[in-house]
Protein backbone atom coordinates (compact mmCIF):
# COMPACT_ATOMS: atom_id res chain seq x y z
CA MET A 1 -5.67 -14.41 25.80
CA GLY A 2 -3.19 -17.43 25.11
CA ALA A 3 0.11 -16.49 25.28
CA LEU A 4 0.87 -18.91 22.40
CA ASP A 5 -1.48 -17.02 20.45
CA GLY A 6 -1.16 -13.70 21.43
CA GLY A 7 -4.58 -12.09 19.57
CA HIS A 8 -7.35 -10.18 20.81
CA TYR A 9 -9.77 -13.04 21.03
CA ASN A 10 -9.49 -16.78 21.69
CA GLY A 11 -11.76 -19.08 19.84
CA LYS A 12 -14.47 -16.43 19.33
CA LEU A 13 -15.18 -13.11 18.10
CA GLU A 14 -15.98 -10.53 20.19
CA ASN A 15 -19.76 -10.70 19.28
CA GLY A 16 -19.85 -14.26 20.02
CA VAL A 17 -19.05 -15.89 16.79
CA LYS A 18 -17.82 -19.08 17.57
CA PHE A 19 -15.09 -20.79 15.32
CA ASN A 20 -15.62 -24.49 13.42
CA GLY A 21 -12.22 -26.11 12.37
CA GLY A 22 -10.43 -22.09 12.31
CA CYS A 23 -13.17 -20.74 9.97
CA LEU A 24 -16.45 -19.33 10.46
CA GLU A 25 -19.24 -21.23 9.48
CA GLU A 26 -20.55 -19.95 5.95
CA GLU A 27 -23.90 -18.41 7.55
CA GLU A 28 -21.64 -16.43 9.97
CA LYS A 29 -19.42 -15.47 6.60
CA GLU A 30 -22.12 -14.02 4.53
CA THR A 31 -23.53 -12.42 7.92
CA THR A 32 -19.80 -10.28 8.13
CA THR A 33 -19.58 -9.64 4.61
CA ALA A 34 -22.95 -8.24 4.34
CA THR A 35 -22.40 -5.89 7.28
CA ILE A 36 -19.71 -4.77 5.39
CA GLU A 37 -21.30 -4.65 2.04
CA ASP A 38 -23.71 -2.16 3.82
CA ALA A 39 -21.26 0.00 5.38
CA VAL A 40 -19.52 0.48 2.18
CA LYS A 41 -22.51 1.28 0.42
CA VAL A 42 -22.54 4.19 3.27
CA LEU A 43 -18.84 5.72 2.22
CA LEU A 44 -19.97 5.65 -1.06
CA GLN A 45 -22.85 7.53 -1.05
CA ALA A 46 -20.84 10.17 1.43
CA LEU A 47 -18.33 10.52 -1.43
CA GLY A 48 -21.20 11.45 -4.00
CA GLU A 49 -21.18 8.13 -5.98
CA ASP A 50 -23.93 5.73 -6.75
CA SER A 51 -23.13 2.05 -5.67
CA ASN A 52 -25.33 0.87 -8.33
CA ARG A 53 -23.80 2.69 -11.05
CA GLU A 54 -21.36 0.04 -13.53
CA GLY A 55 -18.08 -0.34 -12.22
CA LEU A 56 -18.98 0.12 -8.51
CA LYS A 57 -21.92 -2.49 -8.21
CA LYS A 58 -19.35 -5.18 -7.08
CA THR A 59 -17.29 -2.57 -5.12
CA PRO A 60 -19.08 -3.54 -1.73
CA LEU A 61 -18.45 -7.26 -2.21
CA ARG A 62 -15.03 -6.64 -3.44
CA VAL A 63 -14.11 -4.68 -0.51
CA ALA A 64 -15.75 -6.86 2.03
CA LYS A 65 -13.73 -9.94 0.73
CA ALA A 66 -10.53 -7.90 0.67
CA LEU A 67 -11.01 -7.23 4.37
CA ARG A 68 -11.97 -10.42 5.46
CA GLU A 69 -8.94 -11.83 3.69
CA GLY A 70 -6.57 -9.58 4.72
CA THR A 71 -7.43 -9.89 8.47
CA ARG A 72 -7.75 -13.54 8.63
CA GLY A 73 -5.12 -14.12 11.20
CA TYR A 74 -8.20 -12.77 13.77
CA LYS A 75 -9.22 -16.65 13.23
CA GLN A 76 -6.25 -18.54 13.29
CA LYS A 77 -4.08 -19.91 16.39
CA VAL A 78 -0.21 -20.23 16.37
CA LYS A 79 -0.75 -23.66 17.87
CA ASP A 80 -2.56 -25.39 15.22
CA ILE A 81 0.46 -23.85 12.79
CA VAL A 82 3.46 -25.36 14.89
CA GLN A 83 1.78 -28.24 16.32
CA GLY A 84 2.99 -31.52 14.48
CA SER A 85 5.97 -29.33 12.64
CA LEU A 86 8.53 -29.84 15.20
CA PHE A 87 11.16 -32.32 14.61
CA PRO A 88 14.23 -33.53 16.19
CA GLU A 89 17.47 -32.65 15.20
CA ALA A 90 20.48 -34.40 17.07
CA GLY A 91 23.83 -32.76 17.03
CA LEU A 92 27.20 -33.47 19.04
CA ASP A 93 26.27 -31.94 22.11
CA SER A 94 22.63 -32.14 24.14
CA GLY A 95 22.68 -28.64 24.69
CA VAL A 96 21.64 -25.79 22.47
CA GLY A 97 22.91 -25.24 18.92
CA HIS A 98 22.17 -28.91 17.86
CA ALA A 99 20.46 -27.59 14.19
CA GLY A 100 23.17 -25.51 12.63
CA GLY A 101 26.74 -26.77 14.40
CA ALA A 102 28.03 -24.13 16.90
CA GLY A 103 25.61 -21.73 17.84
CA GLY A 104 22.50 -23.58 16.28
CA LEU A 105 21.04 -19.91 14.17
CA VAL A 106 18.58 -20.80 12.04
CA VAL A 107 17.30 -17.83 9.81
CA VAL A 108 14.65 -17.13 7.23
CA ARG A 109 14.73 -14.01 5.25
CA ASP A 110 12.86 -11.70 2.87
CA ILE A 111 9.54 -13.02 3.80
CA ASP A 112 7.40 -10.74 2.11
CA LEU A 113 3.60 -9.80 3.93
CA PHE A 114 1.02 -7.16 4.20
CA SER A 115 -0.97 -6.15 6.63
CA TYR A 116 -3.58 -3.16 7.31
CA CYS A 117 -2.27 0.00 9.62
CA GLU A 118 -4.21 0.37 12.40
CA SER A 119 -4.41 4.02 12.34
CA CYS A 120 -5.81 4.36 9.03
CA LEU A 121 -6.88 0.91 7.75
CA LEU A 122 -4.41 1.15 4.67
CA PRO A 123 -2.24 -1.83 3.60
CA PHE A 124 1.24 -1.48 4.26
CA GLN A 125 3.97 -3.68 2.94
CA VAL A 126 6.37 -6.09 5.13
CA ARG A 127 9.40 -7.43 4.75
CA CYS A 128 10.25 -10.00 7.85
CA HIS A 129 13.40 -11.55 8.66
CA VAL A 130 13.00 -14.54 11.65
CA GLY A 131 15.93 -16.16 13.61
CA TYR A 132 15.87 -18.54 16.35
CA VAL A 133 18.19 -21.00 18.10
CA PRO A 134 16.79 -24.37 18.68
CA SER A 135 17.04 -25.95 22.02
CA GLY A 136 15.94 -29.68 23.32
CA GLN A 137 16.67 -31.17 19.94
CA ARG A 138 13.79 -29.22 18.23
CA VAL A 139 14.02 -27.44 14.96
CA VAL A 140 10.62 -26.17 13.15
CA GLY A 141 9.60 -26.64 9.37
CA LEU A 142 10.96 -23.70 8.08
CA SER A 143 7.71 -22.58 6.34
CA LYS A 144 5.69 -22.23 9.66
CA LEU A 145 8.22 -19.16 10.34
CA SER A 146 6.23 -17.68 7.39
CA ARG A 147 3.01 -18.91 8.53
CA VAL A 148 3.12 -18.04 11.99
CA ALA A 149 4.57 -14.31 10.65
CA ASP A 150 1.49 -13.87 8.65
CA VAL A 151 -1.16 -15.00 11.17
CA PHE A 152 -0.25 -11.64 13.08
CA ALA A 153 0.29 -9.56 9.83
CA LYS A 154 -3.31 -10.31 8.66
CA ARG A 155 -4.77 -8.36 11.69
CA LEU A 156 -4.66 -4.51 12.41
CA GLN A 157 -1.13 -3.77 13.24
CA ASP A 158 1.56 -1.30 13.97
CA PRO A 159 5.05 -2.26 13.08
CA GLN A 160 6.55 -2.64 16.67
CA ARG A 161 3.31 -4.60 18.14
CA LEU A 162 3.63 -7.14 14.68
CA ALA A 163 7.42 -7.61 15.63
CA ASP A 164 6.79 -8.33 19.18
CA LYS A 165 3.85 -10.49 18.55
CA VAL A 166 5.45 -12.81 15.98
CA CYS A 167 8.58 -12.97 18.24
CA LEU A 168 6.55 -13.84 21.51
CA ALA A 169 4.60 -16.35 19.72
CA LEU A 170 7.26 -18.24 18.03
CA HIS A 171 9.34 -18.23 21.39
CA ASN A 172 6.04 -19.92 23.53
CA GLY A 173 5.64 -21.89 20.37
CA ILE A 174 9.10 -24.14 19.42
CA LYS A 175 10.70 -23.22 22.75
CA PRO A 176 13.71 -22.26 21.40
CA ALA A 177 17.05 -20.80 23.23
CA GLY A 178 16.08 -17.19 21.47
CA VAL A 179 14.09 -15.84 18.77
CA ALA A 180 14.82 -12.60 16.43
CA VAL A 181 12.28 -10.92 14.47
CA ALA A 182 13.47 -7.84 12.20
CA LEU A 183 10.59 -5.86 9.96
CA GLU A 184 11.19 -3.82 6.96
CA CYS A 185 7.75 -1.68 6.79
CA TRP A 186 6.66 0.59 4.38
CA HIS A 187 3.79 2.86 4.68
CA ILE A 188 1.93 4.79 1.56
CA GLN A 189 2.50 8.53 2.05
CA PHE A 190 -0.75 9.88 0.76
CA PRO A 191 -0.10 14.02 -0.04
CA GLY A 192 -2.98 16.58 0.13
CA VAL A 193 -3.69 18.19 -2.84
CA GLU A 194 -1.45 21.43 -2.27
CA ARG A 195 1.54 19.49 -1.39
CA THR A 196 0.98 17.36 -4.60
CA CYS A 197 1.05 20.04 -6.73
CA THR A 198 4.09 21.75 -5.30
CA ASP A 199 6.26 18.60 -5.30
CA SER A 200 5.48 18.11 -9.46
CA HIS A 201 8.79 19.89 -10.34
CA HIS A 202 10.44 17.53 -8.53
CA PRO A 203 10.45 14.15 -10.61
CA SER A 204 12.97 12.63 -9.14
CA LYS A 205 11.83 12.59 -6.29
CA VAL A 206 8.12 11.44 -6.95
CA ASN A 207 8.91 7.48 -6.27
CA MET A 208 10.31 8.13 -2.79
CA GLN A 209 7.36 10.08 -1.98
CA GLY A 210 5.15 7.30 -1.90
CA TRP A 211 6.51 5.73 0.77
CA ILE A 212 7.70 5.94 4.81
CA LYS A 213 9.66 3.02 5.84
CA VAL A 214 10.60 2.20 9.35
CA SER A 215 12.56 -0.81 10.75
CA VAL A 216 11.72 -2.52 13.86
CA CYS A 217 13.24 -5.46 15.61
CA SER A 218 11.95 -7.94 18.56
CA SER A 219 13.92 -10.59 20.29
CA SER A 220 14.01 -12.93 23.16
CA GLY A 221 16.28 -15.59 25.07
CA VAL A 222 19.74 -15.21 23.75
CA PHE A 223 19.00 -12.58 21.98
CA ASP A 224 17.92 -10.20 24.01
CA ASN A 225 21.54 -9.24 24.89
CA LYS A 226 22.41 -6.88 21.72
CA ASN A 227 26.44 -7.20 22.60
CA GLU A 228 26.70 -10.88 22.61
CA ASP A 229 27.44 -13.31 19.42
CA ALA A 230 23.67 -14.56 18.76
CA TRP A 231 22.58 -10.70 17.61
CA ALA A 232 25.48 -10.25 15.58
CA ASP A 233 25.31 -13.14 13.79
CA PHE A 234 21.72 -12.34 13.33
CA LEU A 235 22.27 -9.22 11.61
CA SER A 236 25.34 -10.27 9.94
CA LEU A 237 23.13 -13.02 8.05
CA LEU A 238 20.73 -10.47 6.99
CA LYS A 239 23.39 -7.88 5.88
CA LEU A 240 24.14 -10.64 3.59
CA ARG A 241 20.76 -9.82 1.62
CA GLY A 242 21.61 -6.12 1.63
CA VAL A 243 19.49 -5.39 4.93
CA ASN A 244 21.13 -3.14 7.55
CA MET A 245 18.63 -2.96 10.50
CA GLU A 246 21.03 -0.90 12.07
CA GLU A 247 19.49 2.18 10.83
CA LYS A 248 17.47 4.46 12.57
CA PRO A 249 13.84 4.77 11.21
CA LEU A 250 12.79 7.85 9.43
CA ASP A 251 12.31 10.84 11.82
CA GLN A 252 8.74 11.24 11.07
CA CYS A 253 5.12 9.36 12.68
CA TRP A 254 4.63 5.95 10.86
CA CYS A 255 1.59 6.58 9.63
CA PRO A 256 1.17 10.23 7.51
CA SER A 257 -2.93 10.15 7.84
CA GLY A 258 -2.24 12.77 10.81
CA SER A 259 -0.78 15.44 7.85
CA LEU A 260 -3.83 15.14 5.83
CA ASN A 261 -6.18 18.42 6.81
CA VAL A 262 -9.10 18.25 4.51
CA PRO A 263 -12.44 18.68 6.29
CA ILE A 264 -14.65 15.40 5.67
CA CYS A 265 -17.46 16.55 4.27
CA ASN A 266 -16.81 19.96 4.18
CA GLY A 267 -18.22 20.09 7.92
CA HIS A 268 -21.31 18.25 7.33
CA LYS A 269 -21.45 16.77 10.86
CA ASN A 270 -24.39 13.95 9.96
CA THR A 271 -22.19 12.81 7.30
CA ARG A 272 -19.43 12.52 9.58
CA ASN A 273 -20.67 10.44 11.94
CA THR A 274 -22.57 8.28 9.41
CA MET A 275 -19.54 7.44 7.66
CA THR A 276 -17.60 6.88 10.76
CA THR A 277 -20.07 4.93 12.62
CA ALA A 278 -19.88 2.59 9.33
CA VAL A 279 -16.20 2.16 9.36
CA GLY A 280 -16.83 1.39 13.45
CA GLY A 281 -18.77 -1.43 12.04
CA ILE A 282 -16.60 -2.92 9.88
CA LEU A 283 -14.02 -2.95 12.79
CA HIS A 284 -16.37 -4.86 14.92
CA SER A 285 -17.15 -7.06 12.01
CA LEU A 286 -13.61 -8.18 11.34
CA GLY A 287 -13.22 -9.24 14.97
CA GLU A 288 -11.69 -6.22 16.14
CA ASP A 289 -12.80 -4.00 19.55
CA PRO A 290 -13.56 -0.61 17.73
CA ILE A 291 -13.25 0.87 21.49
CA ARG A 292 -9.61 -0.52 21.65
CA LYS A 293 -7.16 2.58 22.59
CA GLU A 294 -5.23 2.35 19.32
CA LEU A 295 -8.23 1.98 17.06
CA LEU A 296 -10.71 5.09 18.90
CA GLY A 297 -9.51 7.39 16.25
CA THR A 298 -9.20 5.07 13.22
CA PRO A 299 -12.62 5.61 11.93
CA GLN A 300 -12.22 9.11 11.51
CA ARG A 301 -8.62 9.14 10.07
CA PHE A 302 -10.24 6.46 7.27
CA CYS A 303 -12.82 8.88 6.39
CA GLN A 304 -10.60 11.57 6.65
CA TRP A 305 -8.27 10.37 3.70
CA LEU A 306 -11.59 8.96 1.90
CA MET A 307 -12.94 12.06 1.45
CA ASN A 308 -9.88 13.40 -0.80
CA PHE A 309 -12.03 11.75 -3.44
CA LYS A 310 -15.37 13.18 -2.45
CA LYS A 311 -17.09 13.66 -6.34
CA SER A 312 -16.73 17.35 -7.59
CA SER A 313 -17.36 18.66 -11.04
CA ASN A 314 -15.26 21.91 -10.59
CA LEU A 315 -12.20 21.76 -12.68
CA GLU A 316 -9.92 24.44 -11.70
CA MET A 317 -7.23 25.52 -13.86
CA LYS A 318 -4.49 26.64 -12.34
CA MET A 319 -2.39 28.89 -14.90
CA ASN A 320 0.59 30.19 -12.95
CA GLY A 321 2.76 27.24 -13.70
CA PHE A 322 6.31 26.20 -13.32
CA GLY A 323 7.49 27.05 -16.60
CA ALA A 324 7.07 26.06 -20.17
CA ALA A 325 6.92 22.52 -21.46
CA THR A 326 10.43 20.87 -22.51
CA GLU A 327 10.39 20.53 -26.48
CA VAL A 328 11.40 17.72 -28.30
CA ASP A 329 14.20 18.09 -31.62
CA PRO A 330 12.49 17.25 -34.06
CA LEU A 331 15.91 15.96 -36.03
CA GLN A 332 16.43 13.42 -33.33
CA ALA A 333 12.74 12.12 -33.82
CA ASN A 334 13.03 11.83 -37.27
CA LEU A 335 10.45 14.66 -37.59
CA SER A 336 10.50 17.44 -39.98
CA ARG A 337 11.52 20.84 -38.78
CA ASP A 338 8.24 22.14 -38.67
CA ASP A 339 7.16 19.54 -36.71
CA LYS A 340 7.53 20.36 -32.73
CA ILE A 341 6.38 18.01 -30.04
CA TYR A 342 6.17 19.32 -26.22
CA SER A 343 5.89 17.26 -23.06
CA GLU A 344 5.60 17.22 -19.44
CA ILE A 345 7.06 14.58 -17.78
CA ASN A 346 6.61 13.29 -14.08
CA LEU A 347 3.30 14.64 -13.46
CA PRO A 348 2.69 13.37 -9.69
CA LEU A 349 -0.81 11.09 -10.01
CA TRP A 350 -2.99 10.10 -6.69
CA SER A 351 -6.12 8.07 -7.39
CA LEU A 352 -8.63 5.75 -5.48
CA CYS A 353 -9.34 2.26 -6.87
CA GLU A 354 -13.18 2.20 -7.37
CA HIS A 355 -13.20 -1.23 -7.63
CA HIS A 356 -11.42 -1.78 -3.70
CA LEU A 357 -11.64 1.71 -2.61
CA LEU A 358 -7.78 0.98 -2.04
CA PRO A 359 -5.17 4.23 -3.15
CA PHE A 360 -2.76 3.97 -6.35
CA TYR A 361 -0.26 6.78 -6.99
CA GLY A 362 2.22 7.22 -9.89
CA VAL A 363 3.02 9.45 -12.61
CA VAL A 364 1.92 11.04 -15.85
CA HIS A 365 3.62 12.08 -18.87
CA ILE A 366 1.63 14.23 -21.53
CA GLY A 367 3.21 15.06 -24.88
CA TYR A 368 1.41 17.27 -27.59
CA PHE A 369 2.11 18.92 -30.52
CA GLN A 370 1.89 22.83 -30.37
CA GLY A 371 -1.79 24.32 -31.86
CA ASN A 372 -1.88 27.62 -33.49
CA GLU A 373 -1.13 30.72 -31.99
CA ASN A 374 -4.08 31.48 -30.51
CA GLN A 375 -3.71 28.52 -28.43
CA LYS A 376 -4.54 29.13 -24.66
CA SER A 377 -1.15 29.28 -22.55
CA ILE A 378 0.05 25.53 -21.75
CA THR A 379 2.06 25.40 -17.92
CA ARG A 380 3.00 22.67 -15.87
CA SER A 381 0.56 23.61 -13.27
CA SER A 382 -2.43 23.36 -15.82
CA LEU A 383 -1.60 19.96 -16.87
CA GLN A 384 -0.90 19.27 -12.96
CA SER A 385 -4.40 20.62 -12.08
CA ILE A 386 -5.93 18.32 -15.34
CA VAL A 387 -4.21 15.35 -13.73
CA HIS A 388 -5.67 16.04 -10.30
CA PHE A 389 -8.97 16.49 -11.01
CA HIS A 390 -9.42 13.36 -12.79
CA GLY A 391 -7.31 11.78 -9.76
CA SER A 392 -9.30 13.00 -7.40
CA LYS A 393 -12.41 10.70 -7.58
CA LEU A 394 -12.95 6.97 -7.69
CA GLN A 395 -11.04 5.92 -10.84
CA VAL A 396 -9.84 3.18 -12.86
CA GLN A 397 -6.49 3.73 -14.51
CA GLU A 398 -7.56 2.98 -18.01
CA ARG A 399 -10.38 5.64 -18.09
CA LEU A 400 -8.29 7.83 -15.84
CA THR A 401 -5.66 7.94 -18.81
CA ARG A 402 -8.09 8.65 -21.64
CA GLN A 403 -9.84 11.07 -19.74
CA ILE A 404 -6.96 13.26 -19.20
CA ALA A 405 -5.91 12.77 -22.81
CA GLU A 406 -9.61 14.22 -23.58
CA THR A 407 -9.63 17.27 -21.05
CA TYR A 408 -6.41 18.29 -22.81
CA SER A 409 -7.79 18.10 -26.15
CA SER A 410 -11.07 20.12 -25.14
CA VAL A 411 -9.20 22.47 -22.52
CA PHE A 412 -6.41 23.65 -25.01
CA GLY A 413 -8.18 23.12 -28.06
CA CYS A 414 -5.36 20.43 -29.38
CA GLY A 415 -6.49 17.38 -30.23
CA ASP A 416 -2.92 16.08 -31.01
CA VAL A 417 -2.03 14.72 -27.70
CA MET A 418 -0.44 11.56 -26.20
CA VAL A 419 -0.71 10.63 -22.36
CA VAL A 420 1.13 7.73 -20.66
CA VAL A 421 0.23 6.96 -17.21
CA GLU A 422 2.70 4.63 -14.87
CA ALA A 423 0.68 3.70 -11.62
CA ASN A 424 1.37 1.23 -8.50
CA HIS A 425 -2.01 -0.06 -7.04
CA ILE A 426 -1.99 -0.80 -3.46
CA CYS A 427 -5.07 -3.72 -3.87
CA MET A 428 -2.09 -5.50 -5.86
CA ILE A 429 -0.36 -6.17 -2.56
CA SER A 430 -3.61 -7.11 -0.61
CA ARG A 431 -6.51 -9.67 -1.76
CA GLY A 432 -4.22 -12.66 -1.48
CA ILE A 433 -2.62 -11.38 -4.02
CA GLU A 434 0.66 -10.03 -3.13
CA LYS A 435 2.33 -8.67 -6.30
CA VAL A 436 4.87 -6.40 -4.28
CA GLY A 437 6.83 -4.04 -6.43
CA SER A 438 4.27 -4.47 -9.64
CA SER A 439 3.40 -1.36 -11.71
CA THR A 440 0.55 -0.81 -14.09
CA ALA A 441 1.33 1.51 -17.76
CA THR A 442 -1.53 2.49 -19.92
CA ILE A 443 -1.17 4.86 -22.62
CA ALA A 444 -3.89 7.16 -24.73
CA VAL A 445 -3.23 8.63 -27.92
CA LEU A 446 -5.57 11.41 -29.95
CA GLY A 447 -5.18 12.90 -33.28
CA ARG A 448 -1.73 12.46 -35.07
CA PHE A 449 0.04 10.73 -32.23
CA SER A 450 -2.61 7.83 -33.18
CA THR A 451 -1.76 7.83 -37.16
CA ASP A 452 2.25 8.89 -36.48
CA SER A 453 4.14 6.02 -35.55
CA ALA A 454 7.53 8.36 -35.21
CA ALA A 455 5.76 10.94 -33.05
CA LYS A 456 4.47 8.30 -30.81
CA ALA A 457 8.09 6.77 -31.13
CA ALA A 458 9.89 10.09 -30.16
CA PHE A 459 7.67 10.70 -27.28
CA LEU A 460 8.08 7.87 -25.40
CA GLN A 461 12.02 7.44 -25.80
CA MET A 462 11.71 11.05 -24.32
CA VAL A 463 9.72 9.59 -21.25
CA SER A 464 12.89 6.64 -20.85
CA THR A 465 15.84 9.28 -21.08
CA THR A 466 13.87 11.63 -18.61
CA THR A 467 12.94 9.17 -16.15
CA ALA A 468 16.15 7.51 -16.45
CA THR A 469 18.12 10.45 -15.59
CA ALA A 470 15.69 11.37 -12.87
CA GLY A 471 16.60 8.09 -11.19
CA ARG A 472 20.14 8.58 -11.10
């Protein structure tokens, strides 16, 4: 392994595939894609799905492309990026620090990246901050700092190793007086069924429960002594952007996959072995070594969370809820006194995108008119059960929203219902899109809500008011 590259492979994959100009030959790309596609079909079958049904036909290919794009760093070398990008920048002195005057510190902040967690194969968000002190009258093009960080982000990683690899590669590549790397990383926290339902009556905590954050640093040269000015200056420039790297990481495991206790395939050993073998094949196809110490349990953990979405035909309604739904004041809503809109706001949602096999999460808001006196009792937990039932399978958000509305109408015998789903999709930070922080909102209306604009506006206003209050 070359010191400059810092990767697991140097010029070829473990299976002997050679690189040509930094890219695999088209024939090898097709072979890699086909191998991943076959593995994804095995996983879909284990979930009880038909990979030939509409909506899933192209899923294996989409997953393969996303994984190839998200791990392209195995096929890249730092020296190819840095060479030719070093420029002379003379200062008053011949020593250290020409580029920025006395001290010479150069910092590039807020580099948004994503990587794949080596423990569970889910993408995680990265905000990277890089600083260095030039020496030998050499500075590097600023964009190269971001590109070098991306090389290592596009490999299976954990935060500390990612920071160390970026730091070492830049130190060896541009020969500065020192390098400092600070990372803020967010990993999706995927709860089990019981936790989702238990936490559903805490709407103010829904967004916070979506992610686990850790902050890590790595340093070399003049930054190694944390008591010296170079490190203090680096941290001060980060604080100008509201970044405080002195905060302690959360007191919990970085990857939460070990907290999932859902049994794989209900104990069917053959299916479990088939799935983990398929995931091991994916790792090998991406250029990783499945028997690397840090990856030994990855196939099992990946399959463990995936099986949260095994196809099921049972909808268990839980009628011991957390209390009655909230009533909308008809006078404030410009409705007649006889009209009463009830609602449940911020029902937690977790599901799996059927296009990319990546999770999406958010909240569901349900509004409805109270039916006749014989209508079944509607509690928060019963509505949460409907949300969970449709979320616990491969989904697209548009269909999920409609299904929740239709199931409510069928179960409770009332067709006047409105459903709003707000969700964040992990696929939006991967596949080369990298739109961190974007969200999607969908609406489904049945009965009176489809014709009564005042009722629809009243419910949306309540959602807005409630979520704004919860966010304070």
